[in-house]
Every structure is written in C-alpha cells, then in structure tokens.
C-alpha cells in the first residue's frame, strides 16, 4: 500500500533529473531551436520549400544545410553574450585591485599559459550558491571562463585549479566549434528528412489540384515541424554522446595543465558535495546536475546525460599515466 507514494516520488525524481541534466547544453539546444524556427517562419512567408519543389531534393538538401549549419553558427556567435545575460556573469577587469579577483585571474592566466593560449580568455563570476563553472565563446580569442560564487566559496584552490584546467581544455580543444558543427549536421538532417516526409505524405493524401494550394503547403509546413522536432530529439542522443566523450578529454587536459592530483581532487570534492546533497530535491540540487557532477543517470535517461558519472571519470584519471 505504501509502494505507490514511493513510486510516484521516484518517478518525480527521474523527471526532475531529466530536466536538470545541463543548463549549458539545454541553453545551446534552445538557441538552435529558436534560430531554426525564426528561419523557418521566414521560409514559410517566402514559400521557399514550395518554390524548390518536391522533385529537387538535392537543392532542398543544400538549402537545409545552409540553414541548419548556419543557424548553429549563429547560436555559437551569440553564446558568450547569452551566457553573460542568462547567468548574470560579471567580467573581471584585468586591472582589478580586488585580491580575490586577482587570485582567480592569476590561476586562469597561469593555466592558459601552460596550455599555450596566445590570447587570455575573459574571466567572470556570477552570484549563485551552485558549484558551477563553464567555458563558452566562438573561438580561443573570444572565450569566456566563468565560475559561480558557490564554487569559489566551497572549493580549495587546488580543486578550483582542476575545474578551471578542465574548462580551459574545452577552449583549447575547440569543443564549442565542434559541438556547433555536430549540432549543425543534426539540424540539417532533421530539417531535410522532415521536409521529405512532409512532402511525401501530403502528396499521398491530395490530388494534383490540391497540391498547389496554399492549404496543402501549410499542412506540409506543420508536418515538417512535427517531424523536425522528433528528429532533433533523436539527434540529441548523438550530441549528448559527443558531449560525454569530450568531458573525458577535458578531464585529461585538466590533469595536464593543473596536475593530475588537483583534477582528481576537484572531482572528489564535487562527488562529496553531491553525495552530501543526494537527498535534496530543491534549491541546490540543480547545481550538481548543471556542473557535470550528477550521479549515474538511470536507464534510458543516460542517453541524454551530457556528462559521464563522476565515478567513471575519476577511475579514468587514476589509470592515466
């Protein structure tokens, strides 16, 4: 009799965990959706797919590639400004007299020099109890590394170095650009396949006179949007797989630039914080999902996890020579 409330509680926790996977990835994905929808509305107004015609699939593919990949790069160009706005990041003045800010700048600059970066990234801090950090930007020369006040207050300097080394590796590896290209390919395929299916279904249900009508084109547009949402949801599995793979590379880079012991210490500190708050479903729990420190994601939800479990990441670092 008491199993039902427990089951409902577990289901609620699973659903919440799904939505708390990663703010950064969700933001990137949301910007892509908004860009594509904006372009899609313009295409609808200009009747571009109708002008291309159902038989010219090569032209349709080229058009979808321009829109899909172009939309992803637009979101990449917007990423730094969007991150500052969404998170309320305050960029630190390189000439600041604040001792805490100067110490943070020195850590980032020291790690960046070890990594061979020719241009120092912007460094920012935002107010949040979350233990969080992220790197974003369209290129090495326009990168932003930001940390939360919660991270600065709760981690020791060696652990902070490990986290920052990890984030700088994302910049050095060009993960933002690679992520953009992968998302662009997903956008292209989703848009192309959705229009092909929409055109095929609408042709099968209309006669020649109705095919040329505005109502039929509107039905094609609705079907294309429906199929695009399905294909982009499936494509998210591919994007998340790459995201998990790049986290292992970023951990290895953090170990190179900040020291293996510091990188492991950072992950263990995050693991301890996660375990200490494992029963929380409230204010701080999203923080642990946001900074790639969530525990093992159950079942099929693991396909949508953008970061591997901490235990696996620590184990790989310990085996690294």
C-alpha atoms as a PDB file:
ATOM      1  CA  UNK A   1       0.000   0.000   0.000  1.00  0.00           C
ATOM      2  CA  UNK A   2       2.933   2.311   0.718  1.00  0.00           C
ATOM      3  CA  UNK A   3       4.657   1.445  -2.556  1.00  0.00           C
ATOM      4  CA  UNK A   4       2.585   3.846  -4.653  1.00  0.00           C
ATOM      5  CA  UNK A   5       3.745   7.117  -2.981  1.00  0.00           C
ATOM      6  CA  UNK A   6       7.324   5.861  -3.141  1.00  0.00           C
ATOM      7  CA  UNK A   7       6.972   5.014  -6.839  1.00  0.00           C
ATOM      8  CA  UNK A   8       5.455   8.417  -7.572  1.00  0.00           C
ATOM      9  CA  UNK A   9       8.323  10.058  -5.674  1.00  0.00           C
ATOM     10  CA  UNK A  10      10.879   8.099  -7.684  1.00  0.00           C
ATOM     11  CA  UNK A  11       9.158   8.992 -10.960  1.00  0.00           C
ATOM     12  CA  UNK A  12       9.140  12.641  -9.949  1.00  0.00           C
ATOM     13  CA  UNK A  13      12.852  12.500  -9.150  1.00  0.00           C
ATOM     14  CA  UNK A  14      13.614  10.866 -12.523  1.00  0.00           C
ATOM     15  CA  UNK A  15      11.621  13.507 -14.418  1.00  0.00           C
ATOM     16  CA  UNK A  16      13.333  16.294 -12.478  1.00  0.00           C
ATOM     17  CA  UNK A  17      16.734  14.765 -13.157  1.00  0.00           C
ATOM     18  CA  UNK A  18      15.964  14.707 -16.880  1.00  0.00           C
ATOM     19  CA  UNK A  19      15.278  18.460 -16.921  1.00  0.00           C
ATOM     20  CA  UNK A  20      18.307  19.198 -14.749  1.00  0.00           C
ATOM     21  CA  UNK A  21      20.879  17.477 -16.973  1.00  0.00           C
ATOM     22  CA  UNK A  22      22.783  20.610 -18.001  1.00  0.00           C
ATOM     23  CA  UNK A  23      21.828  24.254 -18.279  1.00  0.00           C
ATOM     24  CA  UNK A  24      24.584  24.949 -20.773  1.00  0.00           C
ATOM     25  CA  UNK A  25      23.592  22.184 -23.212  1.00  0.00           C
ATOM     26  CA  UNK A  26      19.888  22.968 -22.828  1.00  0.00           C
ATOM     27  CA  UNK A  27      20.618  26.657 -23.492  1.00  0.00           C
ATOM     28  CA  UNK A  28      22.644  25.800 -26.605  1.00  0.00           C
ATOM     29  CA  UNK A  29      19.916  23.467 -27.852  1.00  0.00           C
ATOM     30  CA  UNK A  30      17.175  26.036 -27.115  1.00  0.00           C
ATOM     31  CA  UNK A  31      19.011  28.773 -29.030  1.00  0.00           C
ATOM     32  CA  UNK A  32      19.338  26.410 -32.010  1.00  0.00           C
ATOM     33  CA  UNK A  33      15.606  25.700 -31.915  1.00  0.00           C
ATOM     34  CA  UNK A  34      14.758  29.413 -31.757  1.00  0.00           C
ATOM     35  CA  UNK A  35      17.098  30.236 -34.643  1.00  0.00           C
ATOM     36  CA  UNK A  36      15.667  27.434 -36.791  1.00  0.00           C
ATOM     37  CA  UNK A  37      12.083  28.424 -36.001  1.00  0.00           C
ATOM     38  CA  UNK A  38      12.822  32.038 -36.929  1.00  0.00           C
ATOM     39  CA  UNK A  39      14.371  30.989 -40.238  1.00  0.00           C
ATOM     40  CA  UNK A  40      11.533  28.518 -40.762  1.00  0.00           C
ATOM     41  CA  UNK A  41       8.902  31.247 -40.434  1.00  0.00           C
ATOM     42  CA  UNK A  42      10.798  33.389 -42.959  1.00  0.00           C
ATOM     43  CA  UNK A  43      10.930  30.422 -45.333  1.00  0.00           C
ATOM     44  CA  UNK A  44       7.192  29.932 -44.886  1.00  0.00           C
ATOM     45  CA  UNK A  45       6.495  33.565 -45.701  1.00  0.00           C
ATOM     46  CA  UNK A  46       8.742  33.404 -48.782  1.00  0.00           C
ATOM     47  CA  UNK A  47       7.380  29.974 -49.865  1.00  0.00           C
ATOM     48  CA  UNK A  48      10.955  28.741 -50.346  1.00  0.00           C
ATOM     49  CA  UNK A  49      10.316  24.962 -49.978  1.00  0.00           C
ATOM     50  CA  UNK A  50       7.331  25.282 -52.311  1.00  0.00           C
ATOM     51  CA  UNK A  51       9.484  27.028 -54.898  1.00  0.00           C
ATOM     52  CA  UNK A  52      12.171  24.358 -54.625  1.00  0.00           C
ATOM     53  CA  UNK A  53       9.607  21.686 -55.471  1.00  0.00           C
ATOM     54  CA  UNK A  54       9.243  18.081 -54.274  1.00  0.00           C
ATOM     55  CA  UNK A  55      11.476  16.649 -57.016  1.00  0.00           C
ATOM     56  CA  UNK A  56      14.517  18.820 -56.385  1.00  0.00           C
ATOM     57  CA  UNK A  57      15.746  17.083 -53.258  1.00  0.00           C
ATOM     58  CA  UNK A  58      19.390  17.987 -53.889  1.00  0.00           C
ATOM     59  CA  UNK A  59      18.515  21.677 -53.770  1.00  0.00           C
ATOM     60  CA  UNK A  60      16.413  21.029 -50.687  1.00  0.00           C
ATOM     61  CA  UNK A  61      19.383  19.314 -49.012  1.00  0.00           C
ATOM     62  CA  UNK A  62      21.690  22.237 -49.866  1.00  0.00           C
ATOM     63  CA  UNK A  63      19.122  24.689 -48.554  1.00  0.00           C
ATOM     64  CA  UNK A  64      18.704  22.711 -45.302  1.00  0.00           C
ATOM     65  CA  UNK A  65      22.496  22.531 -44.856  1.00  0.00           C
ATOM     66  CA  UNK A  66      22.809  26.295 -45.218  1.00  0.00           C
ATOM     67  CA  UNK A  67      20.009  26.870 -42.746  1.00  0.00           C
ATOM     68  CA  UNK A  68      20.933  24.107 -40.280  1.00  0.00           C
ATOM     69  CA  UNK A  69      24.673  24.728 -40.060  1.00  0.00           C
ATOM     70  CA  UNK A  70      24.236  28.479 -40.427  1.00  0.00           C
ATOM     71  CA  UNK A  71      21.741  28.527 -37.566  1.00  0.00           C
ATOM     72  CA  UNK A  72      24.146  26.628 -35.322  1.00  0.00           C
ATOM     73  CA  UNK A  73      26.957  29.087 -36.015  1.00  0.00           C
ATOM     74  CA  UNK A  74      24.633  31.980 -35.282  1.00  0.00           C
ATOM     75  CA  UNK A  75      23.939  30.411 -31.888  1.00  0.00           C
ATOM     76  CA  UNK A  76      27.690  29.958 -31.369  1.00  0.00           C
ATOM     77  CA  UNK A  77      28.328  33.632 -32.099  1.00  0.00           C
ATOM     78  CA  UNK A  78      25.605  34.501 -29.592  1.00  0.00           C
ATOM     79  CA  UNK A  79      26.829  32.044 -26.933  1.00  0.00           C
ATOM     80  CA  UNK A  80      29.119  34.352 -24.959  1.00  0.00           C
ATOM     81  CA  UNK A  81      26.628  37.220 -24.818  1.00  0.00           C
ATOM     82  CA  UNK A  82      23.782  34.819 -23.991  1.00  0.00           C
ATOM     83  CA  UNK A  83      25.786  33.217 -21.180  1.00  0.00           C
ATOM     84  CA  UNK A  84      26.557  36.597 -19.635  1.00  0.00           C
ATOM     85  CA  UNK A  85      22.921  37.629 -19.848  1.00  0.00           C
ATOM     86  CA  UNK A  86      21.356  34.351 -18.689  1.00  0.00           C
ATOM     87  CA  UNK A  87      23.770  33.750 -15.801  1.00  0.00           C
ATOM     88  CA  UNK A  88      24.408  37.382 -14.878  1.00  0.00           C
ATOM     89  CA  UNK A  89      28.171  36.984 -15.321  1.00  0.00           C
ATOM     90  CA  UNK A  90      30.282  39.954 -14.231  1.00  0.00           C
ATOM     91  CA  UNK A  91      33.532  40.003 -16.207  1.00  0.00           C
ATOM     92  CA  UNK A  92      36.580  40.751 -14.049  1.00  0.00           C
ATOM     93  CA  UNK A  93      38.653  43.764 -15.066  1.00  0.00           C
ATOM     94  CA  UNK A  94      42.238  42.551 -15.706  1.00  0.00           C
ATOM     95  CA  UNK A  95      43.439  45.589 -13.697  1.00  0.00           C
ATOM     96  CA  UNK A  96      41.201  44.895 -10.711  1.00  0.00           C
ATOM     97  CA  UNK A  97      42.542  45.673  -7.254  1.00  0.00           C
ATOM     98  CA  UNK A  98      40.288  43.112  -5.543  1.00  0.00           C
ATOM     99  CA  UNK A  99      42.621  40.437  -4.112  1.00  0.00           C
ATOM    100  CA  UNK A 100      40.151  37.563  -4.607  1.00  0.00           C
ATOM    101  CA  UNK A 101      39.526  38.546  -8.205  1.00  0.00           C
ATOM    102  CA  UNK A 102      43.243  38.927  -8.856  1.00  0.00           C
ATOM    103  CA  UNK A 103      43.899  35.461  -7.456  1.00  0.00           C
ATOM    104  CA  UNK A 104      41.250  33.971  -9.759  1.00  0.00           C
ATOM    105  CA  UNK A 105      42.710  35.817 -12.755  1.00  0.00           C
ATOM    106  CA  UNK A 106      46.197  34.612 -11.914  1.00  0.00           C
ATOM    107  CA  UNK A 107      45.016  30.995 -11.735  1.00  0.00           C
ATOM    108  CA  UNK A 108      43.300  31.217 -15.123  1.00  0.00           C
ATOM    109  CA  UNK A 109      46.211  33.071 -16.756  1.00  0.00           C
ATOM    110  CA  UNK A 110      48.767  30.632 -15.353  1.00  0.00           C
ATOM    111  CA  UNK A 111      46.827  27.633 -16.658  1.00  0.00           C
ATOM    112  CA  UNK A 112      46.242  29.343 -20.009  1.00  0.00           C
ATOM    113  CA  UNK A 113      49.976  29.987 -20.396  1.00  0.00           C
ATOM    114  CA  UNK A 114      50.757  26.355 -19.621  1.00  0.00           C
ATOM    115  CA  UNK A 115      48.249  25.354 -22.274  1.00  0.00           C
ATOM    116  CA  UNK A 116      49.846  27.665 -24.832  1.00  0.00           C
ATOM    117  CA  UNK A 117      46.916  30.035 -25.319  1.00  0.00           C
ATOM    118  CA  UNK A 118      48.073  33.170 -27.120  1.00  0.00           C
ATOM    119  CA  UNK A 119      45.049  35.229 -26.018  1.00  0.00           C
ATOM    120  CA  UNK A 120      43.850  35.176 -22.432  1.00  0.00           C
ATOM    121  CA  UNK A 121      40.120  34.412 -22.084  1.00  0.00           C
ATOM    122  CA  UNK A 122      37.667  36.668 -20.325  1.00  0.00           C
ATOM    123  CA  UNK A 123      37.144  35.609 -16.717  1.00  0.00           C
ATOM    124  CA  UNK A 124      33.847  36.188 -14.977  1.00  0.00           C
ATOM    125  CA  UNK A 125      31.992  35.445 -11.760  1.00  0.00           C
ATOM    126  CA  UNK A 126      28.274  35.153 -11.195  1.00  0.00           C
ATOM    127  CA  UNK A 127      26.280  35.064  -7.980  1.00  0.00           C
ATOM    128  CA  UNK A 128      24.925  31.591  -7.273  1.00  0.00           C
ATOM    129  CA  UNK A 129      25.123  29.020  -4.459  1.00  0.00           C
ATOM    130  CA  UNK A 130      25.679  26.387  -7.140  1.00  0.00           C
ATOM    131  CA  UNK A 131      29.066  24.736  -7.517  1.00  0.00           C
ATOM    132  CA  UNK A 132      29.412  25.545 -11.180  1.00  0.00           C
ATOM    133  CA  UNK A 133      31.792  26.702 -13.911  1.00  0.00           C
ATOM    134  CA  UNK A 134      31.642  26.855 -17.682  1.00  0.00           C
ATOM    135  CA  UNK A 135      33.575  27.966 -20.759  1.00  0.00           C
ATOM    136  CA  UNK A 136      31.974  29.320 -23.890  1.00  0.00           C
ATOM    137  CA  UNK A 137      32.667  31.518 -26.903  1.00  0.00           C
ATOM    138  CA  UNK A 138      33.135  31.190 -30.667  1.00  0.00           C
ATOM    139  CA  UNK A 139      36.954  30.908 -30.573  1.00  0.00           C
ATOM    140  CA  UNK A 140      40.032  30.879 -28.352  1.00  0.00           C
ATOM    141  CA  UNK A 141      40.400  34.628 -28.846  1.00  0.00           C
ATOM    142  CA  UNK A 142      36.788  35.230 -27.772  1.00  0.00           C
ATOM    143  CA  UNK A 143      36.432  32.716 -24.978  1.00  0.00           C
ATOM    144  CA  UNK A 144      34.770  33.262 -21.612  1.00  0.00           C
ATOM    145  CA  UNK A 145      35.504  31.235 -18.485  1.00  0.00           C
ATOM    146  CA  UNK A 146      33.037  31.846 -15.672  1.00  0.00           C
ATOM    147  CA  UNK A 147      32.703  30.433 -12.166  1.00  0.00           C
ATOM    148  CA  UNK A 148      29.983  30.689  -9.555  1.00  0.00           C
ATOM    149  CA  UNK A 149      30.467  32.217  -6.132  1.00  0.00           C
ATOM    150  CA  UNK A 150      29.396  28.856  -4.715  1.00  0.00           C
ATOM    151  CA  UNK A 151      32.381  27.181  -6.341  1.00  0.00           C
ATOM    152  CA  UNK A 152      34.791  29.838  -5.081  1.00  0.00           C
ATOM    153  CA  UNK A 153      33.425  29.604  -1.547  1.00  0.00           C
ATOM    154  CA  UNK A 154      33.257  25.819  -1.242  1.00  0.00           C
ATOM    155  CA  UNK A 155      36.343  24.511  -3.056  1.00  0.00           C
ATOM    156  CA  UNK A 156      40.006  24.856  -2.143  1.00  0.00           C
ATOM    157  CA  UNK A 157      42.487  26.494  -4.518  1.00  0.00           C
ATOM    158  CA  UNK A 158      43.933  23.189  -5.886  1.00  0.00           C
ATOM    159  CA  UNK A 159      40.395  21.971  -6.590  1.00  0.00           C
ATOM    160  CA  UNK A 160      39.498  25.257  -8.288  1.00  0.00           C
ATOM    161  CA  UNK A 161      42.622  24.867 -10.437  1.00  0.00           C
ATOM    162  CA  UNK A 162      41.420  21.425 -11.508  1.00  0.00           C
ATOM    163  CA  UNK A 163      37.995  22.748 -12.509  1.00  0.00           C
ATOM    164  CA  UNK A 164      39.481  25.699 -14.410  1.00  0.00           C
ATOM    165  CA  UNK A 165      42.003  23.445 -16.150  1.00  0.00           C
ATOM    166  CA  UNK A 166      39.082  21.307 -17.282  1.00  0.00           C
ATOM    167  CA  UNK A 167      37.174  24.314 -18.645  1.00  0.00           C
ATOM    168  CA  UNK A 168      40.214  25.775 -20.400  1.00  0.00           C
ATOM    169  CA  UNK A 169      40.735  22.429 -22.136  1.00  0.00           C
ATOM    170  CA  UNK A 170      37.298  22.845 -23.701  1.00  0.00           C
ATOM    171  CA  UNK A 171      38.564  26.147 -25.146  1.00  0.00           C
ATOM    172  CA  UNK A 172      41.862  24.669 -26.335  1.00  0.00           C
ATOM    173  CA  UNK A 173      40.202  21.640 -27.935  1.00  0.00           C
ATOM    174  CA  UNK A 174      37.736  23.868 -29.778  1.00  0.00           C
ATOM    175  CA  UNK A 175      34.853  21.928 -28.262  1.00  0.00           C
ATOM    176  CA  UNK A 176      32.408  24.781 -28.776  1.00  0.00           C
ATOM    177  CA  UNK A 177      33.074  24.846 -32.534  1.00  0.00           C
ATOM    178  CA  UNK A 178      32.989  21.052 -32.833  1.00  0.00           C
ATOM    179  CA  UNK A 179      29.755  20.961 -30.862  1.00  0.00           C
ATOM    180  CA  UNK A 180      28.361  23.557 -33.236  1.00  0.00           C
ATOM    181  CA  UNK A 181      29.303  21.510 -36.315  1.00  0.00           C
ATOM    182  CA  UNK A 182      27.717  18.363 -34.886  1.00  0.00           C
ATOM    183  CA  UNK A 183      24.566  20.264 -33.969  1.00  0.00           C
ATOM    184  CA  UNK A 184      24.571  21.803 -37.443  1.00  0.00           C
ATOM    185  CA  UNK A 185      24.655  18.374 -39.090  1.00  0.00           C
ATOM    186  CA  UNK A 186      21.824  17.219 -36.815  1.00  0.00           C
ATOM    187  CA  UNK A 187      19.831  20.343 -37.710  1.00  0.00           C
ATOM    188  CA  UNK A 188      20.448  19.755 -41.425  1.00  0.00           C
ATOM    189  CA  UNK A 189      19.369  16.123 -41.391  1.00  0.00           C
ATOM    190  CA  UNK A 190      16.359  16.854 -39.185  1.00  0.00           C
ATOM    191  CA  UNK A 191      15.170  19.655 -41.468  1.00  0.00           C
ATOM    192  CA  UNK A 192      15.811  17.728 -44.702  1.00  0.00           C
ATOM    193  CA  UNK A 193      14.191  14.458 -43.590  1.00  0.00           C
ATOM    194  CA  UNK A 194      11.229  16.285 -42.075  1.00  0.00           C
ATOM    195  CA  UNK A 195      10.501  18.106 -45.347  1.00  0.00           C
ATOM    196  CA  UNK A 196      10.941  14.924 -47.410  1.00  0.00           C
ATOM    197  CA  UNK A 197       8.431  13.073 -45.215  1.00  0.00           C
ATOM    198  CA  UNK A 198       6.045  16.024 -45.121  1.00  0.00           C
ATOM    199  CA  UNK A 199       6.083  16.354 -48.929  1.00  0.00           C
ATOM    200  CA  UNK A 200       5.657  12.600 -49.415  1.00  0.00           C
ATOM    201  CA  UNK A 201       2.714  12.348 -47.014  1.00  0.00           C
ATOM    202  CA  UNK A 202       0.967  15.408 -48.355  1.00  0.00           C
ATOM    203  CA  UNK A 203       1.356  14.143 -51.934  1.00  0.00           C
ATOM    204  CA  UNK A 204      -0.135  10.824 -50.979  1.00  0.00           C
ATOM    205  CA  UNK A 205      -3.231  12.410 -49.497  1.00  0.00           C
ATOM    206  CA  UNK A 206      -4.003  15.153 -52.077  1.00  0.00           C
ATOM    207  CA  UNK A 207      -4.855  15.294 -55.768  1.00  0.00           C
ATOM    208  CA  UNK A 208      -2.917  17.412 -58.283  1.00  0.00           C
ATOM    209  CA  UNK A 209      -5.197  20.409 -57.860  1.00  0.00           C
ATOM    210  CA  UNK A 210      -4.864  20.458 -54.068  1.00  0.00           C
ATOM    211  CA  UNK A 211      -1.082  20.014 -54.101  1.00  0.00           C
ATOM    212  CA  UNK A 212      -0.565  23.500 -55.422  1.00  0.00           C
ATOM    213  CA  UNK A 213      -2.919  25.096 -52.908  1.00  0.00           C
ATOM    214  CA  UNK A 214      -1.780  27.222 -50.012  1.00  0.00           C
ATOM    215  CA  UNK A 215      -3.631  24.931 -47.609  1.00  0.00           C
ATOM    216  CA  UNK A 216      -1.593  21.951 -48.733  1.00  0.00           C
ATOM    217  CA  UNK A 217       1.654  23.862 -48.294  1.00  0.00           C
ATOM    218  CA  UNK A 218       0.558  24.908 -44.808  1.00  0.00           C
ATOM    219  CA  UNK A 219      -0.104  21.232 -43.986  1.00  0.00           C
ATOM    220  CA  UNK A 220       3.380  20.382 -45.282  1.00  0.00           C
ATOM    221  CA  UNK A 221       4.858  23.034 -43.015  1.00  0.00           C
ATOM    222  CA  UNK A 222       3.004  21.677 -39.966  1.00  0.00           C
ATOM    223  CA  UNK A 223       4.083  18.110 -40.730  1.00  0.00           C
ATOM    224  CA  UNK A 224       7.671  19.242 -41.307  1.00  0.00           C
ATOM    225  CA  UNK A 225       7.739  20.992 -37.925  1.00  0.00           C
ATOM    226  CA  UNK A 226       6.354  17.882 -36.214  1.00  0.00           C
ATOM    227  CA  UNK A 227       8.889  15.548 -37.844  1.00  0.00           C
ATOM    228  CA  UNK A 228      11.719  18.018 -37.239  1.00  0.00           C
ATOM    229  CA  UNK A 229      11.005  18.002 -33.514  1.00  0.00           C
ATOM    230  CA  UNK A 230      11.129  14.193 -33.479  1.00  0.00           C
ATOM    231  CA  UNK A 231      14.365  14.007 -35.476  1.00  0.00           C
ATOM    232  CA  UNK A 232      16.059  16.710 -33.392  1.00  0.00           C
ATOM    233  CA  UNK A 233      15.076  14.866 -30.214  1.00  0.00           C
ATOM    234  CA  UNK A 234      16.704  11.706 -31.603  1.00  0.00           C
ATOM    235  CA  UNK A 235      19.689  13.738 -32.785  1.00  0.00           C
ATOM    236  CA  UNK A 236      20.130  14.983 -29.246  1.00  0.00           C
ATOM    237  CA  UNK A 237      21.286  11.466 -28.344  1.00  0.00           C
ATOM    238  CA  UNK A 238      24.212  11.878 -30.765  1.00  0.00           C
ATOM    239  CA  UNK A 239      25.029  15.349 -29.436  1.00  0.00           C
ATOM    240  CA  UNK A 240      24.987  14.098 -25.843  1.00  0.00           C
ATOM    241  CA  UNK A 241      27.246  11.152 -26.713  1.00  0.00           C
ATOM    242  CA  UNK A 242      29.842  13.555 -28.079  1.00  0.00           C
ATOM    243  CA  UNK A 243      29.423  15.777 -25.030  1.00  0.00           C
ATOM    244  CA  UNK A 244      30.221  12.855 -22.710  1.00  0.00           C
ATOM    245  CA  UNK A 245      33.257  11.912 -24.806  1.00  0.00           C
ATOM    246  CA  UNK A 246      34.650  15.448 -24.756  1.00  0.00           C
ATOM    247  CA  UNK A 247      34.347  15.555 -20.949  1.00  0.00           C
ATOM    248  CA  UNK A 248      36.842  12.709 -20.654  1.00  0.00           C
ATOM    249  CA  UNK A 249      39.220  14.680 -22.891  1.00  0.00           C
ATOM    250  CA  UNK A 250      38.691  17.821 -20.807  1.00  0.00           C
ATOM    251  CA  UNK A 251      39.454  15.877 -17.618  1.00  0.00           C
ATOM    252  CA  UNK A 252      42.702  14.664 -19.175  1.00  0.00           C
ATOM    253  CA  UNK A 253      43.566  18.223 -20.174  1.00  0.00           C
ATOM    254  CA  UNK A 254      42.780  19.475 -16.692  1.00  0.00           C
ATOM    255  CA  UNK A 255      45.165  16.865 -15.333  1.00  0.00           C
ATOM    256  CA  UNK A 256      47.894  18.025 -17.737  1.00  0.00           C
ATOM    257  CA  UNK A 257      47.587  21.736 -17.013  1.00  0.00           C
ATOM    258  CA  UNK A 258      46.532  21.799 -13.350  1.00  0.00           C
ATOM    259  CA  UNK A 259      48.065  18.490 -12.252  1.00  0.00           C
ATOM    260  CA  UNK A 260      46.540  15.041 -12.076  1.00  0.00           C
ATOM    261  CA  UNK A 261      46.155  15.183  -8.296  1.00  0.00           C
ATOM    262  CA  UNK A 262      44.388  18.543  -8.493  1.00  0.00           C
ATOM    263  CA  UNK A 263      41.988  17.305 -11.166  1.00  0.00           C
ATOM    264  CA  UNK A 264      41.131  14.188  -9.163  1.00  0.00           C
ATOM    265  CA  UNK A 265      40.787  16.281  -6.006  1.00  0.00           C
ATOM    266  CA  UNK A 266      38.356  18.581  -7.815  1.00  0.00           C
ATOM    267  CA  UNK A 267      36.189  15.675  -8.950  1.00  0.00           C
ATOM    268  CA  UNK A 268      36.288  14.064  -5.497  1.00  0.00           C
ATOM    269  CA  UNK A 269      35.256  17.358  -3.886  1.00  0.00           C
ATOM    270  CA  UNK A 270      32.335  17.616  -6.298  1.00  0.00           C
ATOM    271  CA  UNK A 271      31.454  13.991  -5.640  1.00  0.00           C
ATOM    272  CA  UNK A 272      31.459  14.585  -1.896  1.00  0.00           C
ATOM    273  CA  UNK A 273      29.232  17.629  -2.326  1.00  0.00           C
ATOM    274  CA  UNK A 274      26.864  15.608  -4.495  1.00  0.00           C
ATOM    275  CA  UNK A 275      26.656  12.724  -2.023  1.00  0.00           C
ATOM    276  CA  UNK A 276      26.114  15.137   0.852  1.00  0.00           C
ATOM    277  CA  UNK A 277      23.143  16.617  -1.003  1.00  0.00           C
ATOM    278  CA  UNK A 278      21.927  13.441  -2.694  1.00  0.00           C
ATOM    279  CA  UNK A 279      18.563  13.558  -0.941  1.00  0.00           C
ATOM    280  CA  UNK A 280      17.867  17.180  -1.828  1.00  0.00           C
ATOM    281  CA  UNK A 281      15.243  17.934  -4.459  1.00  0.00           C
ATOM    282  CA  UNK A 282      15.279  21.658  -4.135  1.00  0.00           C
ATOM    283  CA  UNK A 283      17.358  24.795  -4.386  1.00  0.00           C
ATOM    284  CA  UNK A 284      20.846  23.339  -4.658  1.00  0.00           C
ATOM    285  CA  UNK A 285      20.134  20.043  -6.384  1.00  0.00           C
ATOM    286  CA  UNK A 286      20.091  21.544  -9.900  1.00  0.00           C
ATOM    287  CA  UNK A 287      23.638  22.796  -9.283  1.00  0.00           C
ATOM    288  CA  UNK A 288      25.021  19.301  -9.141  1.00  0.00           C
ATOM    289  CA  UNK A 289      23.351  18.383 -12.405  1.00  0.00           C
ATOM    290  CA  UNK A 290      24.479  21.615 -14.052  1.00  0.00           C
ATOM    291  CA  UNK A 291      28.198  21.184 -13.391  1.00  0.00           C
ATOM    292  CA  UNK A 292      28.566  17.680 -14.749  1.00  0.00           C
ATOM    293  CA  UNK A 293      28.695  16.209 -11.235  1.00  0.00           C
ATOM    294  CA  UNK A 294      25.390  14.390 -11.169  1.00  0.00           C
ATOM    295  CA  UNK A 295      25.407  10.741 -10.213  1.00  0.00           C
ATOM    296  CA  UNK A 296      24.718   7.881 -12.602  1.00  0.00           C
ATOM    297  CA  UNK A 297      21.638   8.615 -14.690  1.00  0.00           C
ATOM    298  CA  UNK A 298      19.131   5.743 -14.523  1.00  0.00           C
ATOM    299  CA  UNK A 299      18.048   3.691 -17.529  1.00  0.00           C
ATOM    300  CA  UNK A 300      17.352   5.304 -20.881  1.00  0.00           C
ATOM    301  CA  UNK A 301      17.903   8.776 -19.423  1.00  0.00           C
ATOM    302  CA  UNK A 302      21.633   8.018 -19.577  1.00  0.00           C
ATOM    303  CA  UNK A 303      21.374   8.584 -23.344  1.00  0.00           C
ATOM    304  CA  UNK A 304      20.564  12.245 -22.643  1.00  0.00           C
ATOM    305  CA  UNK A 305      23.245  12.816 -19.988  1.00  0.00           C
ATOM    306  CA  UNK A 306      25.816  15.314 -21.255  1.00  0.00           C
ATOM    307  CA  UNK A 307      28.480  14.250 -18.709  1.00  0.00           C
ATOM    308  CA  UNK A 308      29.640  10.793 -17.612  1.00  0.00           C
ATOM    309  CA  UNK A 309      29.235   9.648 -13.984  1.00  0.00           C
ATOM    310  CA  UNK A 310      31.857  11.030 -11.620  1.00  0.00           C
ATOM    311  CA  UNK A 311      32.973   7.558 -10.591  1.00  0.00           C
ATOM    312  CA  UNK A 312      33.890   6.700 -14.173  1.00  0.00           C
ATOM    313  CA  UNK A 313      35.701   9.991 -14.706  1.00  0.00           C
ATOM    314  CA  UNK A 314      37.759   9.581 -11.532  1.00  0.00           C
ATOM    315  CA  UNK A 315      38.604   5.983 -12.438  1.00  0.00           C
ATOM    316  CA  UNK A 316      39.899   7.037 -15.861  1.00  0.00           C
ATOM    317  CA  UNK A 317      42.071   9.762 -14.367  1.00  0.00           C
ATOM    318  CA  UNK A 318      43.531   7.365 -11.821  1.00  0.00           C
ATOM    319  CA  UNK A 319      44.513   4.989 -14.651  1.00  0.00           C
ATOM    320  CA  UNK A 320      46.022   7.787 -16.723  1.00  0.00           C
ATOM    321  CA  UNK A 321      49.821   7.826 -16.860  1.00  0.00           C
END
